[in-house]
Protein backbone atom coordinates (compact mmCIF):
# COMPACT_ATOMS: atom_id res chain seq x y z
CA GLU A 1 0.00 0.16 0.12
CA ALA A 2 1.33 3.21 -1.01
CA ARG A 3 0.15 6.81 -1.20
CA PHE A 4 1.04 8.79 -4.33
CA LEU A 5 -0.27 12.54 -5.23
CA GLY A 6 -2.90 11.93 -2.62
CA VAL A 7 -4.45 8.58 -3.66
CA ILE A 8 -3.89 5.48 -1.55
CA LEU A 9 -2.86 2.80 -4.09
CA ASP A 10 -2.93 -1.04 -3.05
CA GLU A 11 -1.45 -3.84 -5.03
CA LYS A 12 -4.52 -5.26 -6.20
CA LEU A 13 -5.93 -1.89 -7.08
CA LYS A 14 -9.33 -2.37 -5.19
CA TRP A 15 -9.17 1.44 -3.55
CA THR A 16 -10.97 -0.28 -0.37
CA SER A 17 -8.14 1.98 1.47
CA HIS A 18 -8.39 4.80 -0.37
CA ILE A 19 -12.33 4.95 0.04
CA ARG A 20 -12.04 4.30 3.77
CA SER A 21 -9.73 7.19 4.18
CA LEU A 22 -11.80 9.64 2.16
CA LYS A 23 -15.10 8.57 4.14
CA ALA A 24 -13.09 9.38 7.44
CA LYS A 25 -11.91 12.56 6.20
CA MET A 26 -15.50 13.59 5.38
CA SER A 27 -16.88 12.29 8.65
CA ARG A 28 -14.77 14.23 10.52
CA HIS A 29 -16.08 17.37 8.66
CA ILE A 30 -19.83 16.37 8.93
CA GLY A 31 -19.61 16.66 12.52
CA THR A 32 -18.10 20.17 12.43
CA MET A 33 -20.93 20.88 9.77
CA TYR A 34 -23.78 19.83 12.27
CA LYS A 35 -22.22 21.93 15.07
CA ILE A 36 -22.27 25.37 12.76
CA LYS A 37 -25.69 24.45 11.16
CA SER A 38 -27.87 26.90 13.29
CA LEU A 39 -25.00 29.51 13.29
CA LEU A 40 -24.66 30.19 9.09
CA PRO A 41 -26.75 30.86 6.23
CA ILE A 42 -27.61 27.95 3.94
CA LYS A 43 -25.21 29.82 1.38
CA ALA A 44 -22.34 29.75 3.69
CA ARG A 45 -22.97 26.11 4.60
CA LEU A 46 -23.22 25.13 1.06
CA GLN A 47 -19.83 26.63 0.29
CA ILE A 48 -18.57 24.38 3.43
CA PHE A 49 -19.86 21.33 1.81
CA HIS A 50 -18.50 22.02 -1.31
CA SER A 51 -14.95 22.44 0.63
CA PHE A 52 -15.14 19.84 2.92
CA VAL A 53 -17.22 16.95 0.93
CA GLN A 54 -17.37 17.53 -2.51
CA SER A 55 -13.91 18.34 -3.25
CA HIS A 56 -12.61 15.27 -1.75
CA LEU A 57 -15.25 13.46 -4.01
CA ASN A 58 -14.19 15.23 -6.77
CA PHE A 59 -10.25 14.46 -6.48
CA CYS A 60 -9.07 11.56 -8.97
CA SER A 61 -12.59 10.20 -8.99
CA ILE A 62 -12.01 8.71 -12.47
CA ILE A 63 -9.32 6.79 -10.88
CA TRP A 64 -10.94 5.04 -7.82
CA GLY A 65 -14.38 5.84 -9.28
CA PHE A 66 -14.78 2.48 -10.69
CA SER A 67 -14.13 0.60 -7.46
CA ALA A 68 -16.73 -1.98 -6.03
CA LYS A 69 -20.35 -0.82 -5.58
CA SER A 70 -20.03 -1.28 -1.94
CA ASN A 71 -16.91 1.39 -1.70
CA ILE A 72 -19.01 4.00 -3.48
CA ASP A 73 -21.94 3.20 -1.32
CA LEU A 74 -19.81 4.15 1.52
CA LEU A 75 -19.17 7.56 0.23
CA PHE A 76 -22.70 8.04 -1.01
CA THR A 77 -23.99 7.49 2.61
CA ALA A 78 -21.51 10.08 4.03
CA GLN A 79 -22.11 12.40 1.34
CA LYS A 80 -26.01 12.02 2.59
CA LYS A 81 -25.01 12.68 6.04
CA ALA A 82 -23.44 15.72 4.88
CA ILE A 83 -26.51 17.13 3.20
CA ARG A 84 -28.34 16.31 6.27
CA ALA A 85 -25.97 18.58 8.18
CA ILE A 86 -26.46 21.52 5.93
CA ALA A 87 -30.10 21.23 4.91
CA PRO A 88 -32.40 23.63 6.81
CA GLY A 89 -34.55 22.21 9.65
CA TYR A 90 -34.08 19.25 11.62
CA ASN A 91 -32.81 16.32 9.06
CA SER A 92 -32.42 12.98 11.08
CA SER A 93 -29.35 10.67 9.91
CA TYR A 94 -30.28 7.13 11.64
CA CYS A 95 -33.30 5.54 12.59
CA LYS A 96 -34.54 6.68 15.83
CA ASN A 97 -38.25 5.53 17.56
CA GLY A 98 -39.17 3.88 14.32
CA ARG A 99 -38.47 6.83 12.35
CA LEU A 100 -36.52 6.37 9.19
CA PRO A 101 -33.78 8.78 8.14
CA THR A 102 -34.49 12.12 6.47
CA HIS A 103 -34.52 11.67 2.56
CA THR A 104 -31.93 13.97 0.73
CA LYS A 105 -33.40 13.20 -3.04
CA SER A 106 -34.89 16.69 -2.85
CA PHE A 107 -31.95 18.61 -1.31
CA PHE A 108 -29.79 17.06 -4.05
CA SER A 109 -31.88 18.53 -6.80
CA SER A 110 -33.03 21.90 -5.30
CA TYR A 111 -29.19 22.83 -4.40
CA LYS A 112 -28.19 21.26 -8.07
CA LEU A 113 -25.75 19.11 -6.24
CA LEU A 114 -24.14 15.88 -7.85
CA THR A 115 -24.14 12.51 -5.99
CA VAL A 116 -21.07 10.74 -5.84
CA GLN A 117 -21.86 8.41 -8.73
CA GLY A 118 -22.92 11.55 -10.58
CA ILE A 119 -19.25 13.30 -9.89
CA ILE A 120 -17.89 9.93 -11.31
CA ALA A 121 -19.84 10.03 -14.33
CA LYS A 122 -19.24 13.62 -14.90
CA ASN A 123 -15.59 13.72 -14.65
CA THR A 124 -15.37 10.52 -16.87
CA VAL A 125 -17.46 12.27 -19.62
CA ILE A 126 -15.19 15.33 -19.26
CA PHE A 127 -12.15 13.25 -19.36
CA MET A 128 -12.94 10.96 -22.38
CA ASN A 129 -14.13 14.43 -24.39
CA LYS A 130 -10.93 15.78 -23.91
CA ILE A 131 -9.28 12.55 -25.03
CA THR A 132 -11.25 12.22 -28.16
CA ARG A 133 -11.11 15.72 -29.12
CA HIS A 134 -7.31 15.90 -28.74
CA SER A 135 -6.45 12.64 -30.77
C-alpha cells in the first residue's frame, strides 16, 4: 500500500483503503458541519459542503471511481449525512423511535448537487471528451 499524489494505492487496485480514508476525512467534517448549522446561512453552509465534502469526492474520481459498488455506496452514505448536516430544519441521519432517516433526494436537486455517482460520471465524460477531441 502506497500513497501517490494523495491517492492510496494497494497492490490489487481495489481502492478500499483510499475510499475508507476518504470517508474518514468526510466524517470528521460532517460533525463540524452539524455544529455550525444553526450559526450560518445556507449559502455559507453550501460553500463549506463543497469545500469539505464535494472537493474530496471530485479529486481523482476517475481513478478510484470504478471501484466496487459497495465502496462507492460508503461514500454516498457519507455524502447524504453531509447533506443532512447543511440542509435547513431538523434532519435525522439514523433510525430513531421507528422513524427513518430524512430523505436527501430533494436536497440534491434543489441545491443542484451531484451525487458521488454523478461526480464520477461527469468527470469521466469530461476526461473522455478531452481525449477524443485532442486525438
